[in-house]
Structure formats: structure tokens, C-alpha cells
């Protein structure tokens, strides 16, 4: 049932983008669409420069290896019998150029720790449980509208870091970008060394995202739009 809801979410999410609702993500509920206002940078007009998404380090737990599952659903694994622990979240957004235009054909990767604060990575040897039903990594390619969608969990803190999700953006004729997304209003944000390293308050705020309940559904919704540094002349498609 939840996987079917996610598949429906993938089909319908982008119908919610409009000029009047660009600060919101509208997500499907049990019988109708419900709006959830998220803390994301304002959208610029097509002829207006946008704030470029700040870059951050790749970190020590970037996934690798042929055994990694490469899809958009992080909360189930091949051959598994359950669903990942944590607050299931439908995470979506768009990849845009500096003038606010969608960029297609871009690979969007995400990775994060599980609900126990541990990464599915051989370097993470912390004494914490490892959720066997959490994939920990996802990858999709943006469509003509620049959109991406994942089903994952709301990130959790672990020693030394506030909750975050890693992003890696790559593709033909685009600037390579690695960044992180954070939970708006989380108490540990002010003390996180990586988030604090972004000195421009507006740039720092552009990485903060609200996680909102979906009417009539058990999942949360979050939206994170990514703006690449370019002059608006990207090749698309």
C-alpha cells in the first residue's frame, strides 16, 4: 500500500508546481491535494538571478560498490520483508539554473544515515544498530521539468552532526555540485560546524527545509530545490 502511494506520488507531484504556489509543495492525500508551505528560497522569474545552492563536502560515507541499489525508494531493499525505521518522507524538488529554469537529464544522488544514526558504509563502525530495511542511498535523473522525487526517512542526528541528507548533482554541461539539506528549526543546527561554515545567512537558509505532514497519509513531505551556478545557457535534455 505504501509503495503504491509512493508510485502515485511520483506521477502526480509535479502537477502541483504553479506560479502561485512555488513556495509550496502540494502532495496527494487520501482523497485530495493538500498544501504544505516549506522553508525554501523564493523562486525567481525566468530573467532573474537565483541564489546558487551552496556547496558542501562529500563526507566520508559516500556509497560505492556494485551491490548498491540504485533507485528512488530508500525505505525498502531488494529481498527485504519490512520497511525502514523512522519517519517516512516523500522528498521532492527541482534542479534549476541560475535564472530559475529547469535542468533536465541531471543525476541526483542522495545518501544519509539510518534512523539509528549509522550509515550503510564500511567506514562507519560506530556502535549503533544497522537498519537492514534502509537502503541509505538513492539516485534518479531529472525529467524535462527538472524534478526529482525520493521516498526516504526524515534525517536524524548522530554524534557531532545535526540531521542532514547528502546530495550530489552531476550531468552533461552542468557544474558539479555536492551539498547537504537540513531540517529547518532543528535545535542542533546552530552548533553544526558544516552548516555554520556557510557565512551568508541567506545561503545558509537555502539549505533548510521543513518536513510537513501529508493530509490523510502517514508520510511526511519535504521539498528542496537546487540552483546550479551557471549563466543560464545550459544544454537541456
Protein backbone atom coordinates (compact mmCIF):
# COMPACT_ATOMS: atom_id res chain seq x y z
CA UNK A 1 0.00 0.00 0.00
CA UNK A 2 2.76 2.47 0.93
CA UNK A 3 4.75 1.63 -2.20
CA UNK A 4 1.64 2.21 -4.31
CA UNK A 5 1.17 5.58 -2.61
CA UNK A 6 4.79 6.45 -3.42
CA UNK A 7 4.34 5.48 -7.07
CA UNK A 8 1.25 7.72 -7.24
CA UNK A 9 3.27 10.49 -5.62
CA UNK A 10 5.91 10.21 -8.35
CA UNK A 11 3.27 10.54 -11.05
CA UNK A 12 1.40 13.48 -9.52
CA UNK A 13 3.86 15.63 -7.56
CA UNK A 14 4.91 17.92 -10.38
CA UNK A 15 1.33 18.80 -11.27
CA UNK A 16 1.47 20.92 -8.12
CA UNK A 17 4.06 23.41 -9.37
CA UNK A 18 2.47 26.70 -10.48
CA UNK A 19 3.29 30.39 -10.48
CA UNK A 20 1.10 31.00 -7.45
CA UNK A 21 2.36 28.02 -5.41
CA UNK A 22 6.08 27.91 -5.99
CA UNK A 23 6.74 28.27 -2.27
CA UNK A 24 4.61 25.21 -1.53
CA UNK A 25 4.64 21.56 -2.39
CA UNK A 26 1.21 20.10 -2.87
CA UNK A 27 1.05 16.42 -2.08
CA UNK A 28 -1.65 13.86 -2.61
CA UNK A 29 -3.76 12.96 0.42
CA UNK A 30 -6.30 10.19 0.71
CA UNK A 31 -8.84 11.99 -1.47
CA UNK A 32 -7.41 15.40 -2.40
CA UNK A 33 -4.30 17.53 -2.62
CA UNK A 34 -3.06 19.30 0.50
CA UNK A 35 -0.64 22.26 0.53
CA UNK A 36 2.40 22.33 2.76
CA UNK A 37 4.41 25.58 2.92
CA UNK A 38 8.12 24.80 3.07
CA UNK A 39 11.12 26.89 4.01
CA UNK A 40 12.86 27.17 0.64
CA UNK A 41 14.37 30.15 -1.14
CA UNK A 42 11.91 32.18 -3.18
CA UNK A 43 11.67 31.39 -6.89
CA UNK A 44 12.99 33.99 -9.27
CA UNK A 45 11.39 34.99 -12.53
CA UNK A 46 12.94 33.46 -15.63
CA UNK A 47 15.01 36.63 -16.21
CA UNK A 48 16.06 36.98 -12.56
CA UNK A 49 19.20 35.54 -10.96
CA UNK A 50 18.56 32.98 -8.20
CA UNK A 51 20.63 32.25 -5.15
CA UNK A 52 23.02 29.44 -6.01
CA UNK A 53 22.80 26.41 -3.73
CA UNK A 54 25.93 26.38 -1.52
CA UNK A 55 28.36 23.50 -1.92
CA UNK A 56 29.47 21.32 0.98
CA UNK A 57 31.93 18.47 1.40
CA UNK A 58 31.28 14.95 0.12
CA UNK A 59 31.92 13.46 3.56
CA UNK A 60 33.45 10.08 4.41
CA UNK A 61 30.37 7.93 3.74
CA UNK A 62 29.64 8.40 0.05
CA UNK A 63 28.30 4.99 -1.07
CA UNK A 64 30.19 2.86 -3.56
CA UNK A 65 30.22 -0.69 -4.85
CA UNK A 66 28.21 -2.75 -7.34
CA UNK A 67 25.89 -4.06 -4.63
CA UNK A 68 24.29 -0.65 -4.05
CA UNK A 69 20.64 -0.44 -5.06
CA UNK A 70 20.11 2.45 -7.42
CA UNK A 71 16.52 3.64 -7.28
CA UNK A 72 14.33 6.28 -5.63
CA UNK A 73 12.93 4.22 -2.76
CA UNK A 74 15.31 4.17 0.21
CA UNK A 75 12.91 2.64 2.74
CA UNK A 76 12.72 -0.84 1.21
CA UNK A 77 15.50 -3.11 0.00
CA UNK A 78 15.61 -5.93 -2.51
CA UNK A 79 14.75 -9.19 -0.81
CA UNK A 80 13.69 -7.42 2.38
CA UNK A 81 10.48 -8.08 4.23
CA UNK A 82 9.95 -4.83 6.08
CA UNK A 83 10.08 -1.06 5.87
CA UNK A 84 12.83 1.15 7.26
CA UNK A 85 12.57 2.59 10.75
CA UNK A 86 11.97 6.33 11.03
CA UNK A 87 9.57 8.93 9.70
CA UNK A 88 8.90 8.02 6.07
CA UNK A 89 9.27 11.13 3.93
CA UNK A 90 8.38 11.93 0.34
CA UNK A 91 11.25 14.18 -0.70
CA UNK A 92 10.99 16.13 -3.93
CA UNK A 93 12.33 19.20 -5.65
CA UNK A 94 13.70 20.58 -8.88
CA UNK A 95 17.16 21.28 -10.29
CA UNK A 96 17.21 24.79 -11.77
CA UNK A 97 19.70 27.04 -13.49
CA UNK A 98 20.64 30.48 -12.20
CA UNK A 99 17.63 32.00 -13.99
CA UNK A 100 15.16 29.59 -12.43
CA UNK A 101 14.73 27.35 -15.47
CA UNK A 102 14.52 23.56 -15.05
CA UNK A 103 17.55 21.46 -15.98
CA UNK A 104 16.78 18.02 -17.37
CA UNK A 105 18.92 14.89 -17.59
CA UNK A 106 20.72 15.61 -14.31
CA UNK A 107 21.69 12.77 -11.98
CA UNK A 108 20.58 13.46 -8.40
CA UNK A 109 22.07 11.22 -5.71
CA UNK A 110 21.20 11.28 -2.01
CA UNK A 111 22.58 9.36 0.94
CA UNK A 112 22.05 9.55 4.70
CA UNK A 113 22.30 7.61 7.94
CA UNK A 114 19.52 5.33 9.10
CA UNK A 115 17.12 6.01 11.97
CA UNK A 116 19.77 4.79 14.43
CA UNK A 117 22.33 7.32 13.19
CA UNK A 118 24.50 4.88 11.25
CA UNK A 119 25.48 4.87 7.59
CA UNK A 120 25.43 1.74 5.44
CA UNK A 121 29.12 2.14 4.76
CA UNK A 122 32.14 0.04 5.80
CA UNK A 123 33.85 3.10 7.27
CA UNK A 124 31.02 3.70 9.72
CA UNK A 125 31.99 1.43 12.60
CA UNK A 126 30.03 3.24 15.29
CA UNK A 127 28.38 1.16 17.98
CA UNK A 128 24.84 1.65 16.72
CA UNK A 129 22.29 -0.72 15.16
CA UNK A 130 22.13 -1.01 11.39
CA UNK A 131 18.64 -0.96 9.92
CA UNK A 132 18.50 -3.87 7.40
CA UNK A 133 15.48 -2.36 5.66
CA UNK A 134 17.03 1.03 4.95
CA UNK A 135 18.83 1.38 1.64
CA UNK A 136 20.68 4.54 2.65
CA UNK A 137 21.28 5.68 -0.95
CA UNK A 138 19.11 6.73 -3.87
CA UNK A 139 19.59 8.07 -7.38
CA UNK A 140 17.27 9.46 -10.05
CA UNK A 141 17.56 11.53 -13.22
CA UNK A 142 15.60 14.75 -13.62
CA UNK A 143 12.95 14.98 -16.32
CA UNK A 144 12.13 17.85 -18.65
CA UNK A 145 10.71 19.79 -15.70
CA UNK A 146 13.94 19.39 -13.70
CA UNK A 147 12.16 17.38 -11.00
CA UNK A 148 13.38 14.60 -8.75
CA UNK A 149 11.49 12.52 -6.16
CA UNK A 150 12.59 10.09 -3.44
CA UNK A 151 10.99 8.10 -0.66
CA UNK A 152 13.29 8.16 2.34
CA UNK A 153 13.21 8.96 6.07
CA UNK A 154 13.41 12.22 7.93
CA UNK A 155 17.11 12.58 8.83
CA UNK A 156 18.23 12.11 12.42
CA UNK A 157 21.24 13.46 14.33
CA UNK A 158 24.31 11.47 15.28
CA UNK A 159 27.28 12.48 17.44
CA UNK A 160 28.85 15.62 16.02
CA UNK A 161 26.24 16.33 13.34
CA UNK A 162 22.78 17.84 13.09
CA UNK A 163 20.31 15.90 10.89
CA UNK A 164 21.10 16.17 7.19
CA UNK A 165 20.80 14.47 3.81
CA UNK A 166 23.72 14.49 1.37
CA UNK A 167 23.13 15.47 -2.27
CA UNK A 168 25.38 15.02 -5.29
CA UNK A 169 24.37 16.59 -8.60
CA UNK A 170 26.12 15.67 -11.86
CA UNK A 171 25.38 15.72 -15.56
CA UNK A 172 26.39 16.84 -19.01
CA UNK A 173 27.28 20.53 -19.33
CA UNK A 174 26.49 21.40 -15.72
CA UNK A 175 28.72 22.42 -12.82
CA UNK A 176 29.33 19.54 -10.42
CA UNK A 177 27.67 20.13 -7.04
CA UNK A 178 27.79 18.38 -3.67
CA UNK A 179 25.68 19.81 -0.87
CA UNK A 180 23.60 18.90 2.17
CA UNK A 181 19.99 19.55 3.16
CA UNK A 182 18.98 20.26 6.78
CA UNK A 183 15.80 20.34 8.86
CA UNK A 184 14.56 23.89 9.39
CA UNK A 185 14.39 24.81 13.07
CA UNK A 186 16.28 21.78 14.40
CA UNK A 187 18.00 22.73 17.70
CA UNK A 188 21.44 21.37 16.72
CA UNK A 189 21.67 23.44 13.53
CA UNK A 190 23.30 26.40 15.27
CA UNK A 191 26.14 24.22 16.53
CA UNK A 192 26.80 22.21 13.38
CA UNK A 193 30.28 23.01 12.08
CA UNK A 194 29.45 22.41 8.41
CA UNK A 195 26.23 24.38 8.40
CA UNK A 196 27.93 27.22 10.31
CA UNK A 197 30.72 27.29 7.72
CA UNK A 198 28.27 28.97 5.32
CA UNK A 199 28.66 32.58 6.43
CA UNK A 200 25.97 34.16 4.25
CA UNK A 201 22.69 33.81 6.22
CA UNK A 202 20.57 33.68 3.06
CA UNK A 203 22.75 30.99 1.54
CA UNK A 204 22.63 29.02 4.80
CA UNK A 205 18.86 29.35 4.99
CA UNK A 206 18.55 27.97 1.45
CA UNK A 207 19.62 24.57 2.79
CA UNK A 208 16.94 24.48 5.50
CA UNK A 209 13.77 22.53 4.68
CA UNK A 210 10.55 21.93 6.58
CA UNK A 211 9.11 18.44 6.92
CA UNK A 212 5.32 18.64 6.88
CA UNK A 213 2.60 16.03 7.46
CA UNK A 214 0.55 14.90 4.47
CA UNK A 215 -3.21 15.06 4.97
CA UNK A 216 -4.70 11.57 5.04
CA UNK A 217 -1.37 9.77 4.78
CA UNK A 218 1.27 8.56 7.25
CA UNK A 219 4.23 10.07 5.38
CA UNK A 220 5.84 13.48 5.66
CA UNK A 221 6.58 15.76 2.72
CA UNK A 222 9.71 17.83 2.14
CA UNK A 223 10.85 19.89 -0.82
CA UNK A 224 14.37 21.00 -1.64
CA UNK A 225 15.06 22.92 -4.84
CA UNK A 226 18.64 23.11 -6.09
CA UNK A 227 20.06 26.03 -8.08
CA UNK A 228 23.23 25.47 -10.09
CA UNK A 229 25.90 28.10 -10.70
CA UNK A 230 25.76 28.92 -14.40
CA UNK A 231 24.91 31.70 -16.84
CA UNK A 232 21.59 30.28 -17.97
CA UNK A 233 22.97 28.68 -21.15
CA UNK A 234 22.90 25.03 -20.11
CA UNK A 235 22.10 22.39 -22.66
CA UNK A 236 18.92 20.59 -21.57
CA UNK A 237 17.91 17.07 -22.41
